[in-house]
């Protein structure tokens, strides 16, 4: 199936389906897209904690098991 350009009206309508946490994550992502790109190099220590709000509600053990299951299903 060929994917075309996203439809803004559809995307806006689907925002109502997001949880409050997901909407906050979306706002952060949009702010980062809007921010000017710095020409200064980023130090790895500046990335500490970045995205931690995305993992708050994730069951880490379940997530890891799902990844392992995916690896088992891959054919090389």
C-alpha atoms as a PDB file:
ATOM      1  CA  UNK A   1       0.000   0.000   0.000  1.00  0.00           C
ATOM      2  CA  UNK A   2       1.418   3.347  -1.046  1.00  0.00           C
ATOM      3  CA  UNK A   3       1.564   5.982   1.657  1.00  0.00           C
ATOM      4  CA  UNK A   4       0.867   9.548   0.661  1.00  0.00           C
ATOM      5  CA  UNK A   5       1.220  12.807   2.476  1.00  0.00           C
ATOM      6  CA  UNK A   6      -0.452  12.785   5.913  1.00  0.00           C
ATOM      7  CA  UNK A   7      -3.848  14.477   6.032  1.00  0.00           C
ATOM      8  CA  UNK A   8      -3.780  17.245   8.638  1.00  0.00           C
ATOM      9  CA  UNK A   9      -7.527  17.095   9.340  1.00  0.00           C
ATOM     10  CA  UNK A  10      -7.350  13.352   9.997  1.00  0.00           C
ATOM     11  CA  UNK A  11      -4.340  13.802  12.253  1.00  0.00           C
ATOM     12  CA  UNK A  12      -6.075  16.527  14.273  1.00  0.00           C
ATOM     13  CA  UNK A  13      -9.202  14.366  14.651  1.00  0.00           C
ATOM     14  CA  UNK A  14      -7.085  11.469  15.926  1.00  0.00           C
ATOM     15  CA  UNK A  15      -5.492  13.676  18.595  1.00  0.00           C
ATOM     16  CA  UNK A  16      -8.692  13.306  20.615  1.00  0.00           C
ATOM     17  CA  UNK A  17      -7.893   9.596  20.945  1.00  0.00           C
ATOM     18  CA  UNK A  18      -4.560  10.232  22.666  1.00  0.00           C
ATOM     19  CA  UNK A  19      -4.125  10.064  26.413  1.00  0.00           C
ATOM     20  CA  UNK A  20      -3.060  13.176  28.286  1.00  0.00           C
ATOM     21  CA  UNK A  21       0.465  11.760  28.611  1.00  0.00           C
ATOM     22  CA  UNK A  22       0.641  11.066  24.876  1.00  0.00           C
ATOM     23  CA  UNK A  23      -0.533  14.609  24.104  1.00  0.00           C
ATOM     24  CA  UNK A  24       2.202  15.978  26.381  1.00  0.00           C
ATOM     25  CA  UNK A  25       4.775  13.830  24.579  1.00  0.00           C
ATOM     26  CA  UNK A  26       3.490  15.103  21.253  1.00  0.00           C
ATOM     27  CA  UNK A  27       3.785  18.704  22.401  1.00  0.00           C
ATOM     28  CA  UNK A  28       7.390  18.117  23.485  1.00  0.00           C
ATOM     29  CA  UNK A  29       8.192  16.531  20.127  1.00  0.00           C
ATOM     30  CA  UNK A  30       6.622  19.453  18.245  1.00  0.00           C
ATOM     31  CA  UNK A  31       8.557  21.958  20.341  1.00  0.00           C
ATOM     32  CA  UNK A  32      11.792  20.160  19.474  1.00  0.00           C
ATOM     33  CA  UNK A  33      10.941  20.303  15.769  1.00  0.00           C
ATOM     34  CA  UNK A  34      10.243  24.017  16.074  1.00  0.00           C
ATOM     35  CA  UNK A  35      13.435  24.783  18.016  1.00  0.00           C
ATOM     36  CA  UNK A  36      16.396  26.008  15.990  1.00  0.00           C
ATOM     37  CA  UNK A  37      19.122  23.474  15.438  1.00  0.00           C
ATOM     38  CA  UNK A  38      22.163  24.222  17.553  1.00  0.00           C
ATOM     39  CA  UNK A  39      25.553  24.132  15.889  1.00  0.00           C
ATOM     40  CA  UNK A  40      27.199  23.271  19.189  1.00  0.00           C
ATOM     41  CA  UNK A  41      27.999  19.609  19.729  1.00  0.00           C
ATOM     42  CA  UNK A  42      25.763  17.810  22.197  1.00  0.00           C
ATOM     43  CA  UNK A  43      27.469  16.137  25.119  1.00  0.00           C
ATOM     44  CA  UNK A  44      26.190  12.669  25.959  1.00  0.00           C
ATOM     45  CA  UNK A  45      25.575  13.830  29.535  1.00  0.00           C
ATOM     46  CA  UNK A  46      23.027  16.353  28.220  1.00  0.00           C
ATOM     47  CA  UNK A  47      20.846  13.453  27.080  1.00  0.00           C
ATOM     48  CA  UNK A  48      20.420  12.019  30.591  1.00  0.00           C
ATOM     49  CA  UNK A  49      16.740  11.537  31.360  1.00  0.00           C
ATOM     50  CA  UNK A  50      15.606  12.491  27.863  1.00  0.00           C
ATOM     51  CA  UNK A  51      12.353  10.708  27.056  1.00  0.00           C
ATOM     52  CA  UNK A  52      11.901   9.281  30.554  1.00  0.00           C
ATOM     53  CA  UNK A  53       8.233  10.309  30.585  1.00  0.00           C
ATOM     54  CA  UNK A  54       7.634   7.950  27.659  1.00  0.00           C
ATOM     55  CA  UNK A  55       8.715   4.941  29.741  1.00  0.00           C
ATOM     56  CA  UNK A  56       6.775   5.707  32.947  1.00  0.00           C
ATOM     57  CA  UNK A  57       3.797   3.510  32.101  1.00  0.00           C
ATOM     58  CA  UNK A  58       5.722   0.773  30.317  1.00  0.00           C
ATOM     59  CA  UNK A  59       6.108  -2.643  31.935  1.00  0.00           C
ATOM     60  CA  UNK A  60       9.818  -3.090  31.219  1.00  0.00           C
ATOM     61  CA  UNK A  61       9.807  -6.873  31.662  1.00  0.00           C
ATOM     62  CA  UNK A  62       6.905  -7.274  29.235  1.00  0.00           C
ATOM     63  CA  UNK A  63       8.535  -4.890  26.745  1.00  0.00           C
ATOM     64  CA  UNK A  64      11.817  -6.819  26.806  1.00  0.00           C
ATOM     65  CA  UNK A  65       9.996 -10.119  26.358  1.00  0.00           C
ATOM     66  CA  UNK A  66       8.102  -8.722  23.352  1.00  0.00           C
ATOM     67  CA  UNK A  67      11.420  -7.655  21.792  1.00  0.00           C
ATOM     68  CA  UNK A  68      12.922 -11.079  22.401  1.00  0.00           C
ATOM     69  CA  UNK A  69       9.860 -12.717  20.855  1.00  0.00           C
ATOM     70  CA  UNK A  70      10.290 -10.528  17.760  1.00  0.00           C
ATOM     71  CA  UNK A  71      13.942 -11.550  17.489  1.00  0.00           C
ATOM     72  CA  UNK A  72      12.972 -15.220  17.705  1.00  0.00           C
ATOM     73  CA  UNK A  73      10.516 -14.806  14.825  1.00  0.00           C
ATOM     74  CA  UNK A  74      13.003 -13.085  12.492  1.00  0.00           C
ATOM     75  CA  UNK A  75      14.529 -15.144   9.759  1.00  0.00           C
ATOM     76  CA  UNK A  76      18.068 -14.344   8.747  1.00  0.00           C
END
